[in-house]
C-alpha cells in the first residue's frame, strides 16, 4: 500500500482514537475523588499515556517495518 494512502488512513485512525480516548479519560475522571492532587496526577498520566498505543500506527503510516 502506498505511504500516502497509509498516512490518510492513519490520520483518521489517530484522530478517532484521540477523540475516543479523551471521552473515556474525562468520563473516568468524573468518578475520581474531588481531591486536586488525585485529579492532577490522573490527568497528567492520562495526557501522556495516549501516545503509547498510537506509536505502532505512526510507524505503520510511515512505512517502517515493511516486509518484502
PDB file of N, CA and C in Angstrom:
ATOM      1  N   UNK A   1       0.847  -1.165   0.000  1.00  0.00           N
ATOM      2  CA  UNK A   1       0.000   0.000   0.000  1.00  0.00           C
ATOM      3  C   UNK A   1       0.901   1.240   0.000  1.00  0.00           C
ATOM      4  N   UNK A   2       0.599   2.214  -0.840  1.00  0.00           N
ATOM      5  CA  UNK A   2       1.430   3.427  -0.875  1.00  0.00           C
ATOM      6  C   UNK A   2       1.398   4.192   0.448  1.00  0.00           C
ATOM      7  N   UNK A   3       2.516   4.831   0.763  1.00  0.00           N
ATOM      8  CA  UNK A   3       2.648   5.558   2.025  1.00  0.00           C
ATOM      9  C   UNK A   3       1.612   6.675   2.107  1.00  0.00           C
ATOM     10  N   UNK A   4       1.303   7.317   0.999  1.00  0.00           N
ATOM     11  CA  UNK A   4       0.317   8.408   1.017  1.00  0.00           C
ATOM     12  C   UNK A   4      -1.045   7.918   1.506  1.00  0.00           C
ATOM     13  N   UNK A   5      -1.476   6.768   1.035  1.00  0.00           N
ATOM     14  CA  UNK A   5      -2.780   6.205   1.459  1.00  0.00           C
ATOM     15  C   UNK A   5      -2.698   5.783   2.923  1.00  0.00           C
ATOM     16  N   UNK A   6      -1.570   5.207   3.320  1.00  0.00           N
ATOM     17  CA  UNK A   6      -1.392   4.832   4.731  1.00  0.00           C
ATOM     18  C   UNK A   6      -1.522   6.052   5.636  1.00  0.00           C
ATOM     19  N   UNK A   7      -0.947   7.170   5.209  1.00  0.00           N
ATOM     20  CA  UNK A   7      -0.997   8.382   6.035  1.00  0.00           C
ATOM     21  C   UNK A   7      -2.422   8.922   6.145  1.00  0.00           C
ATOM     22  N   UNK A   8      -3.180   8.843   5.083  1.00  0.00           N
ATOM     23  CA  UNK A   8      -4.578   9.296   5.133  1.00  0.00           C
ATOM     24  C   UNK A   8      -5.381   8.406   6.079  1.00  0.00           C
ATOM     25  N   UNK A   9      -5.259   7.091   5.908  1.00  0.00           N
ATOM     26  CA  UNK A   9      -5.975   6.152   6.779  1.00  0.00           C
ATOM     27  C   UNK A   9      -5.518   6.321   8.227  1.00  0.00           C
ATOM     28  N   UNK A  10      -4.216   6.403   8.433  1.00  0.00           N
ATOM     29  CA  UNK A  10      -3.672   6.548   9.774  1.00  0.00           C
ATOM     30  C   UNK A  10      -4.083   7.849  10.442  1.00  0.00           C
ATOM     31  N   UNK A  11      -4.177   8.914   9.673  1.00  0.00           N
ATOM     32  CA  UNK A  11      -4.604  10.198  10.238  1.00  0.00           C
ATOM     33  C   UNK A  11      -6.016  10.115  10.795  1.00  0.00           C
ATOM     34  N   UNK A  12      -6.915   9.504  10.035  1.00  0.00           N
ATOM     35  CA  UNK A  12      -8.274   9.309  10.541  1.00  0.00           C
ATOM     36  C   UNK A  12      -8.276   8.403  11.764  1.00  0.00           C
ATOM     37  N   UNK A  13      -7.425   7.387  11.740  1.00  0.00           N
ATOM     38  CA  UNK A  13      -7.329   6.486  12.884  1.00  0.00           C
ATOM     39  C   UNK A  13      -6.831   7.187  14.140  1.00  0.00           C
ATOM     40  N   UNK A  14      -5.819   8.026  13.993  1.00  0.00           N
ATOM     41  CA  UNK A  14      -5.263   8.756  15.139  1.00  0.00           C
ATOM     42  C   UNK A  14      -6.308   9.723  15.703  1.00  0.00           C
ATOM     43  N   UNK A  15      -6.956  10.474  14.815  1.00  0.00           N
ATOM     44  CA  UNK A  15      -7.968  11.436  15.277  1.00  0.00           C
ATOM     45  C   UNK A  15      -9.113  10.712  15.976  1.00  0.00           C
ATOM     46  N   UNK A  16      -9.575   9.617  15.394  1.00  0.00           N
ATOM     47  CA  UNK A  16     -10.650   8.839  16.019  1.00  0.00           C
ATOM     48  C   UNK A  16     -10.244   8.286  17.376  1.00  0.00           C
ATOM     49  N   UNK A  17      -9.028   7.775  17.454  1.00  0.00           N
ATOM     50  CA  UNK A  17      -8.542   7.239  18.725  1.00  0.00           C
ATOM     51  C   UNK A  17      -8.436   8.326  19.778  1.00  0.00           C
ATOM     52  N   UNK A  18      -7.880   9.476  19.416  1.00  0.00           N
ATOM     53  CA  UNK A  18      -7.693  10.557  20.391  1.00  0.00           C
ATOM     54  C   UNK A  18      -9.044  11.067  20.894  1.00  0.00           C
ATOM     55  N   UNK A  19     -10.025  11.165  20.022  1.00  0.00           N
ATOM     56  CA  UNK A  19     -11.364  11.592  20.456  1.00  0.00           C
ATOM     57  C   UNK A  19     -11.949  10.576  21.425  1.00  0.00           C
ATOM     58  N   UNK A  20     -11.902   9.303  21.065  1.00  0.00           N
ATOM     59  CA  UNK A  20     -12.446   8.254  21.941  1.00  0.00           C
ATOM     60  C   UNK A  20     -11.680   8.203  23.261  1.00  0.00           C
ATOM     61  N   UNK A  21     -10.364   8.348  23.200  1.00  0.00           N
ATOM     62  CA  UNK A  21      -9.532   8.327  24.402  1.00  0.00           C
ATOM     63  C   UNK A  21      -9.885   9.490  25.320  1.00  0.00           C
ATOM     64  N   UNK A  22     -10.049  10.680  24.744  1.00  0.00           N
ATOM     65  CA  UNK A  22     -10.381  11.859  25.549  1.00  0.00           C
ATOM     66  C   UNK A  22     -11.734  11.699  26.227  1.00  0.00           C
ATOM     67  N   UNK A  23     -12.710  11.179  25.509  1.00  0.00           N
ATOM     68  CA  UNK A  23     -14.036  10.954  26.093  1.00  0.00           C
ATOM     69  C   UNK A  23     -13.936   9.958  27.245  1.00  0.00           C
ATOM     70  N   UNK A  24     -13.180   8.885  27.046  1.00  0.00           N
ATOM     71  CA  UNK A  24     -13.032   7.875  28.098  1.00  0.00           C
ATOM     72  C   UNK A  24     -12.305   8.445  29.319  1.00  0.00           C
ATOM     73  N   UNK A  25     -11.247   9.209  29.094  1.00  0.00           N
ATOM     74  CA  UNK A  25     -10.473   9.780  30.206  1.00  0.00           C
ATOM     75  C   UNK A  25     -11.332  10.747  31.013  1.00  0.00           C
ATOM     76  N   UNK A  26     -12.073  11.608  30.332  1.00  0.00           N
ATOM     77  CA  UNK A  26     -12.921  12.563  31.041  1.00  0.00           C
ATOM     78  C   UNK A  26     -14.047  11.845  31.785  1.00  0.00           C
ATOM     79  N   UNK A  27     -14.635  10.837  31.147  1.00  0.00           N
ATOM     80  CA  UNK A  27     -15.712  10.080  31.799  1.00  0.00           C
ATOM     81  C   UNK A  27     -15.211   9.395  33.069  1.00  0.00           C
ATOM     82  N   UNK A  28     -14.045   8.781  32.991  1.00  0.00           N
ATOM     83  CA  UNK A  28     -13.478   8.148  34.177  1.00  0.00           C
ATOM     84  C   UNK A  28     -13.045   9.186  35.211  1.00  0.00           C
ATOM     85  N   UNK A  29     -12.547  10.317  34.750  1.00  0.00           N
ATOM     86  CA  UNK A  29     -12.097  11.365  35.648  1.00  0.00           C
ATOM     87  C   UNK A  29     -13.218  11.956  36.490  1.00  0.00           C
ATOM     88  N   UNK A  30     -14.436  11.898  35.977  1.00  0.00           N
ATOM     89  CA  UNK A  30     -15.582  12.405  36.738  1.00  0.00           C
ATOM     90  C   UNK A  30     -15.877  11.560  37.970  1.00  0.00           C
ATOM     91  N   UNK A  31     -15.409  10.332  37.994  1.00  0.00           N
ATOM     92  CA  UNK A  31     -15.666   9.422  39.111  1.00  0.00           C
ATOM     93  C   UNK A  31     -14.552   9.422  40.151  1.00  0.00           C
ATOM     94  N   UNK A  32     -13.526  10.240  39.931  1.00  0.00           N
ATOM     95  CA  UNK A  32     -12.422  10.327  40.896  1.00  0.00           C
ATOM     96  C   UNK A  32     -12.857  11.131  42.114  1.00  0.00           C
ATOM     97  N   UNK A  33     -12.189  10.905  43.230  1.00  0.00           N
ATOM     98  CA  UNK A  33     -12.478  11.737  44.400  1.00  0.00           C
ATOM     99  C   UNK A  33     -12.154  13.203  44.099  1.00  0.00           C
ATOM    100  N   UNK A  34     -12.870  14.099  44.730  1.00  0.00           N
ATOM    101  CA  UNK A  34     -12.687  15.526  44.475  1.00  0.00           C
ATOM    102  C   UNK A  34     -11.499  16.068  45.283  1.00  0.00           C
ATOM    103  N   UNK A  35     -10.318  15.536  44.959  1.00  0.00           N
ATOM    104  CA  UNK A  35      -9.065  15.942  45.590  1.00  0.00           C
ATOM    105  C   UNK A  35      -8.152  16.430  44.461  1.00  0.00           C
ATOM    106  N   UNK A  36      -7.625  17.638  44.604  1.00  0.00           N
ATOM    107  CA  UNK A  36      -6.901  18.253  43.491  1.00  0.00           C
ATOM    108  C   UNK A  36      -5.704  17.446  43.032  1.00  0.00           C
ATOM    109  N   UNK A  37      -4.941  16.851  43.956  1.00  0.00           N
ATOM    110  CA  UNK A  37      -3.720  16.150  43.548  1.00  0.00           C
ATOM    111  C   UNK A  37      -4.036  14.828  42.860  1.00  0.00           C
ATOM    112  N   UNK A  38      -5.155  14.201  43.224  1.00  0.00           N
ATOM    113  CA  UNK A  38      -5.554  12.951  42.555  1.00  0.00           C
ATOM    114  C   UNK A  38      -5.920  13.252  41.104  1.00  0.00           C
ATOM    115  N   UNK A  39      -6.711  14.297  40.903  1.00  0.00           N
ATOM    116  CA  UNK A  39      -7.112  14.652  39.536  1.00  0.00           C
ATOM    117  C   UNK A  39      -5.924  15.145  38.713  1.00  0.00           C
ATOM    118  N   UNK A  40      -5.033  15.897  39.348  1.00  0.00           N
ATOM    119  CA  UNK A  40      -3.848  16.367  38.633  1.00  0.00           C
ATOM    120  C   UNK A  40      -2.980  15.204  38.185  1.00  0.00           C
ATOM    121  N   UNK A  41      -2.743  14.272  39.080  1.00  0.00           N
ATOM    122  CA  UNK A  41      -1.944  13.093  38.740  1.00  0.00           C
ATOM    123  C   UNK A  41      -2.616  12.274  37.641  1.00  0.00           C
ATOM    124  N   UNK A  42      -3.919  12.034  37.792  1.00  0.00           N
ATOM    125  CA  UNK A  42      -4.669  11.236  36.815  1.00  0.00           C
ATOM    126  C   UNK A  42      -4.613  11.873  35.419  1.00  0.00           C
ATOM    127  N   UNK A  43      -4.908  13.171  35.337  1.00  0.00           N
ATOM    128  CA  UNK A  43      -4.939  13.811  34.024  1.00  0.00           C
ATOM    129  C   UNK A  43      -3.548  14.013  33.446  1.00  0.00           C
ATOM    130  N   UNK A  44      -2.529  14.136  34.281  1.00  0.00           N
ATOM    131  CA  UNK A  44      -1.154  14.230  33.785  1.00  0.00           C
ATOM    132  C   UNK A  44      -0.725  12.907  33.158  1.00  0.00           C
ATOM    133  N   UNK A  45      -0.963  11.822  33.874  1.00  0.00           N
ATOM    134  CA  UNK A  45      -0.597  10.494  33.343  1.00  0.00           C
ATOM    135  C   UNK A  45      -1.427  10.177  32.104  1.00  0.00           C
ATOM    136  N   UNK A  46      -2.711  10.447  32.161  1.00  0.00           N
ATOM    137  CA  UNK A  46      -3.587  10.180  31.017  1.00  0.00           C
ATOM    138  C   UNK A  46      -3.207  11.026  29.808  1.00  0.00           C
ATOM    139  N   UNK A  47      -2.784  12.257  30.055  1.00  0.00           N
ATOM    140  CA  UNK A  47      -2.406  13.140  28.966  1.00  0.00           C
ATOM    141  C   UNK A  47      -1.155  12.705  28.238  1.00  0.00           C
ATOM    142  N   UNK A  48      -0.307  11.948  28.901  1.00  0.00           N
ATOM    143  CA  UNK A  48       0.924  11.455  28.279  1.00  0.00           C
ATOM    144  C   UNK A  48       0.724  10.043  27.715  1.00  0.00           C
ATOM    145  N   UNK A  49      -0.115   9.268  28.358  1.00  0.00           N
ATOM    146  CA  UNK A  49      -0.247   7.847  28.024  1.00  0.00           C
ATOM    147  C   UNK A  49      -0.912   7.580  26.672  1.00  0.00           C
ATOM    148  N   UNK A  50      -1.623   8.538  26.108  1.00  0.00           N
ATOM    149  CA  UNK A  50      -2.289   8.294  24.836  1.00  0.00           C
ATOM    150  C   UNK A  50      -1.286   7.991  23.720  1.00  0.00           C
ATOM    151  N   UNK A  51      -0.073   8.468  23.868  1.00  0.00           N
ATOM    152  CA  UNK A  51       0.923   8.286  22.818  1.00  0.00           C
ATOM    153  C   UNK A  51       1.394   6.858  22.644  1.00  0.00           C
ATOM    154  N   UNK A  52       1.392   6.080  23.707  1.00  0.00           N
ATOM    155  CA  UNK A  52       1.895   4.704  23.606  1.00  0.00           C
ATOM    156  C   UNK A  52       1.098   3.838  22.633  1.00  0.00           C
ATOM    157  N   UNK A  53      -0.234   3.812  22.693  1.00  0.00           N
ATOM    158  CA  UNK A  53      -0.958   2.978  21.731  1.00  0.00           C
ATOM    159  C   UNK A  53      -0.910   3.516  20.298  1.00  0.00           C
ATOM    160  N   UNK A  54      -0.570   4.779  20.128  1.00  0.00           N
ATOM    161  CA  UNK A  54      -0.550   5.379  18.795  1.00  0.00           C
ATOM    162  C   UNK A  54       0.771   5.102  18.072  1.00  0.00           C
ATOM    163  N   UNK A  55       1.830   4.811  18.801  1.00  0.00           N
ATOM    164  CA  UNK A  55       3.148   4.614  18.178  1.00  0.00           C
ATOM    165  C   UNK A  55       3.166   3.544  17.074  1.00  0.00           C
ATOM    166  N   UNK A  56       2.579   2.363  17.279  1.00  0.00           N
ATOM    167  CA  UNK A  56       2.591   1.385  16.188  1.00  0.00           C
ATOM    168  C   UNK A  56       1.857   1.880  14.935  1.00  0.00           C
ATOM    169  N   UNK A  57       0.785   2.622  15.127  1.00  0.00           N
ATOM    170  CA  UNK A  57       0.060   3.173  13.981  1.00  0.00           C
ATOM    171  C   UNK A  57       0.912   4.201  13.235  1.00  0.00           C
ATOM    172  N   UNK A  58       1.633   5.023  13.969  1.00  0.00           N
ATOM    173  CA  UNK A  58       2.507   6.010  13.326  1.00  0.00           C
ATOM    174  C   UNK A  58       3.633   5.329  12.548  1.00  0.00           C
ATOM    175  N   UNK A  59       4.185   4.262  13.090  1.00  0.00           N
ATOM    176  CA  UNK A  59       5.228   3.520  12.377  1.00  0.00           C
ATOM    177  C   UNK A  59       4.670   2.905  11.099  1.00  0.00           C
ATOM    178  N   UNK A  60       3.454   2.352  11.195  1.00  0.00           N
ATOM    179  CA  UNK A  60       2.809   1.763  10.024  1.00  0.00           C
ATOM    180  C   UNK A  60       2.536   2.830   8.967  1.00  0.00           C
ATOM    181  N   UNK A  61       2.076   3.990   9.408  1.00  0.00           N
ATOM    182  CA  UNK A  61       1.772   5.079   8.475  1.00  0.00           C
ATOM    183  C   UNK A  61       2.994   5.486   7.665  1.00  0.00           C
ATOM    184  N   UNK A  62       4.146   5.494   8.289  1.00  0.00           N
ATOM    185  CA  UNK A  62       5.361   5.936   7.626  1.00  0.00           C
ATOM    186  C   UNK A  62       6.089   4.824   6.879  1.00  0.00           C
ATOM    187  N   UNK A  63       5.525   3.637   6.891  1.00  0.00           N
ATOM    188  CA  UNK A  63       6.095   2.543   6.111  1.00  0.00           C
ATOM    189  C   UNK A  63       7.213   1.802   6.779  1.00  0.00           C
ATOM    190  N   UNK A  64       7.459   2.067   8.077  1.00  0.00           N
ATOM    191  CA  UNK A  64       8.502   1.338   8.788  1.00  0.00           C
ATOM    192  C   UNK A  64       8.004  -0.070   9.078  1.00  0.00           C
ATOM    193  N   UNK A  65       8.899  -1.018   9.072  1.00  0.00           N
ATOM    194  CA  UNK A  65       8.533  -2.391   9.343  1.00  0.00           C
ATOM    195  C   UNK A  65       7.981  -3.106   8.134  1.00  0.00           C
ATOM    196  N   UNK A  66       8.181  -2.521   6.955  1.00  0.00           N
ATOM    197  CA  UNK A  66       7.725  -3.162   5.721  1.00  0.00           C
ATOM    198  C   UNK A  66       8.457  -4.472   5.513  1.00  0.00           C
ATOM    199  N   UNK A  67       7.725  -5.441   5.087  1.00  0.00           N
ATOM    200  CA  UNK A  67       8.329  -6.727   4.750  1.00  0.00           C
ATOM    201  C   UNK A  67       8.322  -6.867   3.240  1.00  0.00           C
ATOM    202  N   UNK A  68       9.372  -7.435   2.704  1.00  0.00           N
ATOM    203  CA  UNK A  68       9.415  -7.670   1.276  1.00  0.00           C
ATOM    204  C   UNK A  68      10.264  -6.713   0.631  1.00  0.00           C
TER     205      UNK A  68
END
